[in-house]
Amino acid sequence: MDIAALRRDTPGCAHRVHLNNAGAALPTRATLDTVTGHLELEARIGGYEAAAEREADIRAVPALVAELLGGRPHEVALFDNATHAWQAAFHALPLRPGDRILTGRSEYGSNVLAYVHAARRTGAEVVVVPDDEHGQLDTAALAELIDERTALVGVSHVPTSGGLVNPVAEIGRITRRAGVPFLLDATQSVGQFPVDVAGIGCDMLCATGRKFLRGPRGTGLLWVREEMLERLEPHVSETASARWDGDRGYTWRSGARRFATWEMNYAAVLGLGSAVRQALDLGLPVIGDRAVALGAALRERIDAVPGARTHDLGRDRCAIVTASVEGVAAEAVKAELARHGINVTVTVPEQSQFDTEVRGVHPLVRLSPHYYNTEEELDRAAEVLAGLARRPQPR
C-alpha cells in the first residue's frame, strides 16, 4: 500500500484524525466524485433518465458485492442500510410457537429487539449462548444448545461495542451439520478484512456501505445463499420483489431480488459500487492485515498509558478498540479528543444489551482506525488520553 497516495485520495485526512471508521469511514475522492457526478446528472437530465443512462453500472454493483463476499450476483440485494437488510432476512424466516432463536452476548442491539419482538408475536424463544473464556461466543455451548426446536442462529461477526471477532467459521460448521439457518451480521467486518460466505458457511449476511467499506451513508446489502431462498417468505412484496400473476396472485422474483424495493438512491448505489471496486483492487487480505495491525498497535499504546485501559474481548481482535480513562466519563474523553481534531465515538449500553448485563462497562470510548490511518495518528490519540489521565479530576 502507498499510504501517502491513499491519504491524498481521501479529502478528510487533511482535516481530521479519523478514528471512527466503525461509525462511518472517510470516502475516497473517487467515491465522492461518483456520487456527486450522478446527482449532477440527475439534475441535468432527470432522475429516471440518469438511471437509464447508467443502467449498466447500476446493474454491475450486485456483481461487485458478490465478488467481495465470494457469492453470486443473483444472491445479492441492495438496501438503504444494514438494519433493513438484516430485518428483511430475519422476518422472512417463518417462526412457530416453541421455536428457538440462538444468539450471542455480543449481538447488536437492534437485532436483539427484533428477536424479542418476533418471539412475543410468534411464541418463539430467544436463547443467549454463553461466552467462552476469551469472551467470544462459546461454540461448544452452541453445539449443545442446538436441537430440533432451533429455527435460527443469529450472530454478529464483530460487535458494535468492541474489537472481538467471533469464531464464525466454526459456528457455520455447527449450523451446517445441524441444518439450521445461520444469519450473520457482518456490518463491522465487511470491508475491514476478508469475509467469505463459502468459508464461513452462513446462509444470510447483511452489511453496510458506510463503515469499513468506505462507501456512502444510506447503503446496505443482503446476501442470501441460493439454497436458502425457498425457505424464506419475504415480509414485504412490491413490484420489484414480486411479479403479478393475475387471478393466481403473485410469484416471487428470482434470487435475492425478492427482497428488493423498486426505488433506490442510485447515486449512493453507484458510490457503493465505487467503494467496493476500490476495496477489491487494494485487496481485502492486505486491507485486513493493516487494519488489524493498527488496532493492535493502538490497543498497546492505550494500555501503556497510566490511568487508561482497553476493554476488548476475544481471542482474535480487529481494528475496533474500546477504552476508558479512570475518573473521566466516556463523553468527556470523546470531547477532549474532538478538541484535538480526533474523531471517535462512544458505545451505547442499549446497543449491547447482553454484554452490558454481564460486564457493565459501557459507555466506553470507541476508536477504530482503518488502513489509511498512520502510526503518528495513533500516537496523537494516545497522547491526548495520557494528558487527560494526568489531569486532576474533580472529587
Protein backbone atom coordinates (compact mmCIF):
# COMPACT_ATOMS: atom_id res chain seq x y z
CA MET A 1 0.00 0.00 0.00
CA ASP A 2 1.08 3.53 -0.81
CA ILE A 3 -0.38 5.12 2.33
CA ALA A 4 0.59 8.64 1.31
CA ALA A 5 -1.22 8.27 -2.00
CA LEU A 6 -4.27 6.75 -0.31
CA ARG A 7 -4.40 9.67 2.10
CA ARG A 8 -4.11 12.19 -0.73
CA ASP A 9 -7.12 10.48 -2.32
CA THR A 10 -9.05 10.87 0.96
CA PRO A 11 -10.02 14.54 1.38
CA GLY A 12 -10.92 14.16 5.04
CA CYS A 13 -7.37 13.17 6.01
CA ALA A 14 -6.32 16.79 5.53
CA HIS A 15 -8.70 17.98 8.23
CA ARG A 16 -9.13 15.34 10.92
CA VAL A 17 -7.60 12.28 12.53
CA HIS A 18 -10.43 9.96 11.71
CA LEU A 19 -10.61 7.06 14.18
CA ASN A 20 -14.33 6.48 13.72
CA ASN A 21 -14.33 4.05 10.82
CA ALA A 22 -16.61 1.68 12.71
CA GLY A 23 -19.14 4.52 12.58
CA ALA A 24 -18.66 5.96 9.11
CA ALA A 25 -15.33 5.86 7.28
CA LEU A 26 -13.94 8.68 5.14
CA PRO A 27 -14.79 8.16 1.46
CA THR A 28 -12.22 8.50 -1.28
CA ARG A 29 -12.23 11.26 -3.86
CA ALA A 30 -13.26 8.68 -6.48
CA THR A 31 -16.33 7.63 -4.49
CA LEU A 32 -17.22 11.25 -3.75
CA ASP A 33 -16.96 12.13 -7.45
CA THR A 34 -19.10 9.12 -8.38
CA VAL A 35 -21.91 10.15 -6.03
CA THR A 36 -21.88 13.86 -6.84
CA GLY A 37 -21.46 13.16 -10.53
CA HIS A 38 -24.65 11.12 -10.63
CA LEU A 39 -26.54 13.74 -8.63
CA GLU A 40 -25.43 16.34 -11.15
CA LEU A 41 -26.54 14.06 -13.99
CA GLU A 42 -29.97 13.71 -12.35
CA ALA A 43 -30.19 17.47 -12.02
CA ARG A 44 -29.31 17.95 -15.70
CA ILE A 45 -31.43 15.30 -17.40
CA GLY A 46 -33.81 13.88 -14.76
CA GLY A 47 -33.69 11.08 -12.21
CA TYR A 48 -35.24 8.31 -14.33
CA GLU A 49 -33.22 9.32 -17.35
CA ALA A 50 -29.97 9.38 -15.36
CA ALA A 51 -30.66 5.88 -14.03
CA ALA A 52 -31.33 4.66 -17.56
CA GLU A 53 -28.08 6.19 -18.80
CA ARG A 54 -26.10 4.48 -16.02
CA GLU A 55 -28.11 1.25 -16.05
CA ALA A 56 -25.13 -0.99 -16.85
CA ASP A 57 -23.08 0.47 -13.99
CA ILE A 58 -26.01 0.16 -11.58
CA ARG A 59 -26.60 -3.46 -12.54
CA ALA A 60 -22.90 -4.18 -12.01
CA VAL A 61 -22.99 -3.29 -8.28
CA PRO A 62 -24.52 -6.58 -7.04
CA ALA A 63 -21.85 -8.45 -9.01
CA LEU A 64 -19.14 -6.41 -7.28
CA VAL A 65 -20.68 -7.15 -3.89
CA ALA A 66 -20.86 -10.85 -4.77
CA GLU A 67 -17.19 -10.81 -5.73
CA LEU A 68 -16.37 -9.14 -2.42
CA LEU A 69 -18.21 -11.81 -0.42
CA GLY A 70 -17.47 -14.86 -2.53
CA GLY A 71 -21.11 -15.27 -3.55
CA ARG A 72 -23.06 -14.97 -6.79
CA PRO A 73 -24.71 -11.80 -8.16
CA HIS A 74 -28.27 -13.14 -8.03
CA GLU A 75 -27.79 -13.83 -4.29
CA VAL A 76 -27.34 -10.09 -3.55
CA ALA A 77 -29.97 -7.44 -2.84
CA LEU A 78 -29.20 -3.79 -2.13
CA PHE A 79 -30.80 -1.73 0.64
CA ASP A 80 -30.66 1.73 2.14
CA ASN A 81 -28.98 0.44 5.32
CA ALA A 82 -27.82 -2.75 7.00
CA THR A 83 -30.68 -2.81 9.52
CA HIS A 84 -33.28 -3.00 6.76
CA ALA A 85 -31.21 -5.68 5.02
CA TRP A 86 -30.93 -7.72 8.24
CA GLN A 87 -34.64 -7.33 9.03
CA ALA A 88 -35.61 -8.38 5.50
CA ALA A 89 -33.81 -11.68 6.04
CA PHE A 90 -34.84 -12.26 9.64
CA HIS A 91 -38.54 -11.50 9.22
CA ALA A 92 -38.68 -13.75 6.14
CA LEU A 93 -37.94 -16.76 8.32
CA PRO A 94 -41.17 -18.46 9.47
CA LEU A 95 -41.35 -18.89 13.27
CA ARG A 96 -43.76 -21.02 15.25
CA PRO A 97 -44.53 -21.38 18.95
CA GLY A 98 -41.70 -23.21 20.68
CA ASP A 99 -39.07 -22.34 18.05
CA ARG A 100 -35.76 -21.12 19.43
CA ILE A 101 -33.55 -18.27 18.22
CA LEU A 102 -29.94 -18.70 19.36
CA THR A 103 -27.70 -15.65 19.57
CA GLY A 104 -24.59 -14.40 21.37
CA ARG A 105 -23.90 -11.93 24.14
CA SER A 106 -22.26 -9.55 21.69
CA GLU A 107 -25.31 -9.32 19.43
CA TYR A 108 -26.21 -5.87 18.11
CA GLY A 109 -28.99 -4.10 19.99
CA SER A 110 -31.42 -3.70 17.09
CA ASN A 111 -31.13 -7.41 16.31
CA VAL A 112 -31.89 -8.25 19.93
CA LEU A 113 -35.01 -6.10 19.86
CA ALA A 114 -36.15 -7.83 16.66
CA TYR A 115 -35.62 -11.28 18.23
CA VAL A 116 -37.65 -10.35 21.29
CA HIS A 117 -40.38 -8.71 19.21
CA ALA A 118 -40.68 -11.79 16.98
CA ALA A 119 -40.67 -14.11 19.99
CA ARG A 120 -43.54 -12.19 21.60
CA ARG A 121 -45.50 -12.23 18.37
CA THR A 122 -45.00 -15.90 17.47
CA GLY A 123 -44.37 -17.71 20.75
CA ALA A 124 -40.75 -18.43 19.88
CA GLU A 125 -37.94 -18.23 22.45
CA VAL A 126 -34.67 -16.25 22.46
CA VAL A 127 -31.71 -18.19 23.89
CA VAL A 128 -28.42 -16.42 24.61
CA VAL A 129 -25.37 -18.64 24.08
CA PRO A 130 -22.75 -18.03 26.79
CA ASP A 131 -19.25 -16.72 26.08
CA ASP A 132 -16.12 -18.83 26.36
CA GLU A 133 -13.05 -17.95 28.39
CA HIS A 134 -11.98 -15.43 25.71
CA GLY A 135 -15.27 -13.53 25.80
CA GLN A 136 -16.39 -14.73 22.37
CA LEU A 137 -19.34 -16.99 21.58
CA ASP A 138 -18.77 -20.45 23.06
CA THR A 139 -19.10 -22.79 20.09
CA ALA A 140 -19.16 -25.90 22.27
CA ALA A 141 -22.13 -24.45 24.17
CA LEU A 142 -23.78 -23.55 20.87
CA ALA A 143 -23.47 -27.13 19.63
CA GLU A 144 -25.06 -28.38 22.86
CA LEU A 145 -27.95 -25.90 22.67
CA ILE A 146 -28.95 -26.63 19.07
CA ASP A 147 -31.85 -29.06 18.88
CA GLU A 148 -34.91 -29.80 16.75
CA ARG A 149 -36.57 -26.61 18.02
CA THR A 150 -33.79 -24.31 16.77
CA ALA A 151 -35.10 -22.16 13.93
CA LEU A 152 -32.16 -19.74 13.62
CA VAL A 153 -28.66 -18.94 14.81
CA GLY A 154 -28.08 -15.19 14.54
CA VAL A 155 -24.63 -13.78 15.33
CA SER A 156 -22.75 -10.51 14.95
CA HIS A 157 -19.36 -11.20 13.34
CA VAL A 158 -17.82 -8.19 15.10
CA PRO A 159 -19.88 -6.36 17.76
CA THR A 160 -20.53 -2.65 17.65
CA SER A 161 -19.05 -2.30 21.13
CA GLY A 162 -15.62 -3.92 20.95
CA GLY A 163 -12.82 -5.50 18.99
CA LEU A 164 -13.59 -9.19 19.31
CA VAL A 165 -14.06 -11.30 16.18
CA ASN A 166 -16.49 -14.14 16.76
CA PRO A 167 -15.48 -17.64 15.50
CA VAL A 168 -17.99 -17.57 12.67
CA ALA A 169 -16.43 -20.34 10.56
CA GLU A 170 -16.83 -22.78 13.45
CA ILE A 171 -20.38 -21.51 14.01
CA GLY A 172 -21.03 -22.17 10.32
CA ARG A 173 -19.73 -25.74 10.58
CA ILE A 174 -22.05 -26.37 13.52
CA THR A 175 -25.14 -24.90 11.84
CA ARG A 176 -24.48 -26.73 8.56
CA ARG A 177 -24.23 -30.08 10.38
CA ALA A 178 -27.48 -29.35 12.17
CA GLY A 179 -29.28 -27.96 9.12
CA VAL A 180 -30.09 -24.73 10.99
CA PRO A 181 -30.18 -21.35 9.19
CA PHE A 182 -27.30 -19.02 10.12
CA LEU A 183 -27.81 -15.24 9.80
CA LEU A 184 -24.56 -13.28 10.08
CA ASP A 185 -24.47 -9.57 10.85
CA ALA A 186 -21.22 -8.55 9.15
CA THR A 187 -21.81 -4.82 9.47
CA GLN A 188 -18.47 -4.22 11.23
CA SER A 189 -16.42 -6.81 9.34
CA VAL A 190 -17.14 -6.41 5.62
CA GLY A 191 -14.50 -4.02 4.29
CA GLN A 192 -12.30 -4.35 7.36
CA PHE A 193 -10.89 -7.79 6.49
CA PRO A 194 -11.81 -10.67 4.14
CA VAL A 195 -15.32 -12.08 4.60
CA ASP A 196 -16.02 -15.20 2.56
CA VAL A 197 -19.53 -16.62 2.78
CA ALA A 198 -18.46 -20.03 1.49
CA GLY A 199 -15.68 -20.36 4.04
CA ILE A 200 -17.90 -19.12 6.85
CA GLY A 201 -20.87 -21.26 5.91
CA CYS A 202 -23.56 -18.70 6.73
CA ASP A 203 -26.88 -18.72 4.90
CA MET A 204 -27.63 -14.99 5.08
CA LEU A 205 -25.37 -11.99 5.60
CA CYS A 206 -26.00 -8.28 5.94
CA ALA A 207 -23.56 -5.38 5.82
CA THR A 208 -23.42 -1.63 5.37
CA GLY A 209 -21.55 0.57 2.93
CA ARG A 210 -20.66 3.45 5.23
CA LYS A 211 -18.28 1.75 7.67
CA PHE A 212 -15.06 -0.06 6.72
CA LEU A 213 -16.13 -0.32 3.06
CA ARG A 214 -15.81 3.49 2.89
CA GLY A 215 -18.99 3.83 0.86
CA PRO A 216 -21.68 6.50 1.24
CA ARG A 217 -24.20 6.55 4.06
CA GLY A 218 -27.62 5.21 3.13
CA THR A 219 -26.33 1.97 1.59
CA GLY A 220 -26.69 -1.60 2.77
CA LEU A 221 -26.60 -5.07 1.32
CA LEU A 222 -28.03 -8.53 1.85
CA TRP A 223 -26.60 -11.81 0.64
CA VAL A 224 -28.77 -14.94 0.75
CA ARG A 225 -27.50 -18.36 -0.24
CA GLU A 226 -29.49 -19.62 -3.23
CA GLU A 227 -30.43 -22.85 -1.45
CA MET A 228 -31.87 -20.79 1.42
CA LEU A 229 -34.21 -18.69 -0.70
CA GLU A 230 -37.06 -21.20 -0.85
CA ARG A 231 -37.11 -21.46 2.95
CA LEU A 232 -37.81 -17.73 3.28
CA GLU A 233 -41.03 -15.80 2.79
CA PRO A 234 -40.19 -12.09 2.32
CA HIS A 235 -42.09 -9.84 4.68
CA VAL A 236 -42.70 -7.15 2.03
CA SER A 237 -43.95 -7.66 -1.51
CA GLU A 238 -43.92 -4.97 -4.18
CA THR A 239 -43.32 -4.62 -7.88
CA ALA A 240 -39.56 -5.05 -7.62
CA SER A 241 -39.79 -8.18 -5.48
CA ALA A 242 -42.79 -10.00 -6.96
CA ARG A 243 -44.49 -10.48 -10.33
CA TRP A 244 -48.27 -10.13 -10.59
CA ASP A 245 -49.92 -13.28 -11.97
CA GLY A 246 -53.46 -12.03 -12.34
CA ASP A 247 -56.05 -14.29 -10.72
CA ARG A 248 -53.26 -16.51 -9.38
CA GLY A 249 -51.80 -13.71 -7.25
CA TYR A 250 -48.04 -13.23 -7.49
CA THR A 251 -44.73 -15.04 -7.89
CA TRP A 252 -41.53 -14.02 -6.14
CA ARG A 253 -38.82 -12.81 -8.47
CA SER A 254 -35.76 -14.99 -8.81
CA GLY A 255 -32.81 -14.77 -6.46
CA ALA A 256 -32.40 -12.16 -3.76
CA ARG A 257 -34.34 -9.66 -5.88
CA ARG A 258 -37.41 -10.86 -3.98
CA PHE A 259 -36.16 -8.76 -1.05
CA ALA A 260 -35.55 -5.61 -3.11
CA THR A 261 -37.60 -2.46 -3.48
CA TRP A 262 -38.15 -0.55 -6.70
CA GLU A 263 -36.98 2.89 -5.58
CA MET A 264 -33.31 3.36 -4.79
CA ASN A 265 -30.85 6.20 -4.25
CA TYR A 266 -28.83 5.43 -7.36
CA ALA A 267 -26.15 7.99 -6.60
CA ALA A 268 -25.49 6.11 -3.36
CA VAL A 269 -25.69 2.73 -5.11
CA LEU A 270 -23.05 3.82 -7.61
CA GLY A 271 -20.95 5.20 -4.75
CA LEU A 272 -21.17 1.82 -3.04
CA GLY A 273 -20.01 0.16 -6.24
CA SER A 274 -17.08 2.56 -6.43
CA ALA A 275 -16.07 1.80 -2.83
CA VAL A 276 -16.33 -1.96 -3.32
CA ARG A 277 -14.28 -1.78 -6.53
CA GLN A 278 -11.52 0.11 -4.70
CA ALA A 279 -11.52 -2.40 -1.84
CA LEU A 280 -11.21 -5.26 -4.31
CA ASP A 281 -8.40 -3.51 -6.16
CA LEU A 282 -6.46 -2.93 -2.93
CA GLY A 283 -7.13 -6.48 -1.78
CA LEU A 284 -9.04 -7.41 1.36
CA PRO A 285 -6.18 -9.52 2.78
CA VAL A 286 -3.86 -6.51 2.60
CA ILE A 287 -6.53 -4.19 3.98
CA GLY A 288 -7.24 -6.62 6.81
CA ASP A 289 -3.60 -7.09 7.77
CA ARG A 290 -3.05 -3.36 8.09
CA ALA A 291 -6.34 -2.52 9.80
CA VAL A 292 -5.97 -5.28 12.41
CA ALA A 293 -2.33 -4.32 13.00
CA LEU A 294 -3.29 -0.69 13.57
CA GLY A 295 -5.95 -1.80 16.03
CA ALA A 296 -3.41 -3.87 17.95
CA ALA A 297 -0.90 -1.00 17.93
CA LEU A 298 -3.50 1.43 19.27
CA ARG A 299 -4.51 -1.05 21.96
CA GLU A 300 -0.88 -1.33 23.09
CA ARG A 301 -0.47 2.42 23.20
CA ILE A 302 -3.58 2.95 25.29
CA ASP A 303 -2.79 0.15 27.72
CA ALA A 304 0.62 1.75 28.25
CA VAL A 305 -1.00 4.98 29.47
CA PRO A 306 -1.28 5.11 33.29
CA GLY A 307 -4.93 5.56 34.15
CA ALA A 308 -6.23 4.32 30.79
CA ARG A 309 -7.15 0.82 29.69
CA THR A 310 -8.78 -1.09 26.86
CA HIS A 311 -11.74 -3.43 27.22
CA ASP A 312 -11.79 -5.58 24.08
CA LEU A 313 -12.66 -9.26 24.38
CA GLY A 314 -11.93 -12.21 22.11
CA ARG A 315 -9.07 -14.47 21.14
CA ASP A 316 -9.00 -12.74 17.75
CA ARG A 317 -9.38 -8.96 17.68
CA CYS A 318 -9.81 -6.42 14.94
CA ALA A 319 -9.37 -2.68 14.38
CA ILE A 320 -12.08 -1.64 16.84
CA VAL A 321 -10.65 -0.55 20.21
CA THR A 322 -12.76 0.31 23.25
CA ALA A 323 -11.15 2.20 26.11
CA SER A 324 -11.73 4.21 29.25
CA VAL A 325 -9.82 6.81 31.27
CA GLU A 326 -10.13 6.41 35.01
CA GLY A 327 -12.43 9.01 36.54
CA VAL A 328 -13.40 10.58 33.20
CA ALA A 329 -16.77 9.98 31.53
CA ALA A 330 -16.62 8.50 28.04
CA GLU A 331 -18.38 11.52 26.52
CA ALA A 332 -15.80 13.83 28.13
CA VAL A 333 -12.98 11.74 26.65
CA LYS A 334 -14.62 11.92 23.24
CA ALA A 335 -14.99 15.70 23.58
CA GLU A 336 -11.33 16.12 24.51
CA LEU A 337 -10.22 14.04 21.53
CA ALA A 338 -12.51 16.08 19.27
CA ARG A 339 -10.92 19.28 20.63
CA HIS A 340 -7.63 17.95 19.24
CA GLY A 341 -9.20 17.12 15.88
CA ILE A 342 -9.58 13.37 16.52
CA ASN A 343 -12.86 11.66 15.63
CA VAL A 344 -14.09 8.83 17.85
CA THR A 345 -17.45 7.75 19.25
CA VAL A 346 -18.90 6.23 22.42
CA THR A 347 -20.51 2.81 22.89
CA VAL A 348 -24.14 2.85 23.95
CA PRO A 349 -25.36 0.29 26.52
CA GLU A 350 -28.70 -0.05 24.69
CA GLN A 351 -26.89 -1.29 21.59
CA SER A 352 -25.12 -4.06 23.53
CA GLN A 353 -27.78 -5.21 25.98
CA PHE A 354 -26.49 -8.69 26.78
CA ASP A 355 -22.85 -7.57 27.00
CA THR A 356 -23.86 -4.71 29.30
CA GLU A 357 -25.74 -7.10 31.59
CA VAL A 358 -22.58 -9.16 32.09
CA ARG A 359 -19.76 -6.60 32.10
CA GLY A 360 -21.39 -3.30 32.93
CA VAL A 361 -18.54 -1.35 31.33
CA HIS A 362 -20.47 0.72 28.79
CA PRO A 363 -20.37 3.52 27.78
CA LEU A 364 -16.78 3.30 26.53
CA VAL A 365 -14.77 5.36 24.07
CA ARG A 366 -14.62 3.52 20.73
CA LEU A 367 -11.63 4.20 18.48
CA SER A 368 -11.49 2.45 15.11
CA PRO A 369 -8.56 3.05 12.73
CA HIS A 370 -8.52 1.84 9.14
CA TYR A 371 -5.77 1.17 6.64
CA TYR A 372 -5.39 4.84 5.64
CA ASN A 373 -4.60 5.90 9.21
CA THR A 374 -0.98 6.25 10.35
CA GLU A 375 1.07 5.33 13.40
CA GLU A 376 1.56 9.03 14.05
CA GLU A 377 -2.21 9.48 14.32
CA LEU A 378 -2.35 6.67 16.86
CA ASP A 379 0.39 8.43 18.83
CA ARG A 380 -1.64 11.66 18.85
CA ALA A 381 -4.71 9.88 20.22
CA ALA A 382 -2.68 8.15 22.95
CA GLU A 383 -1.05 11.45 23.90
CA VAL A 384 -4.43 13.11 24.36
CA LEU A 385 -5.60 10.24 26.57
CA ALA A 386 -2.39 10.46 28.59
CA GLY A 387 -2.85 14.18 29.13
CA LEU A 388 -6.44 13.61 30.22
CA ALA A 389 -5.41 10.83 32.60
CA ARG A 390 -2.80 13.10 34.22
CA ARG A 391 -5.26 15.95 34.69
CA PRO A 392 -6.61 16.22 38.26
CA GLN A 393 -10.23 15.16 38.31
CA PRO A 394 -12.87 16.88 40.47
CA ARG A 395 -13.74 14.98 43.63
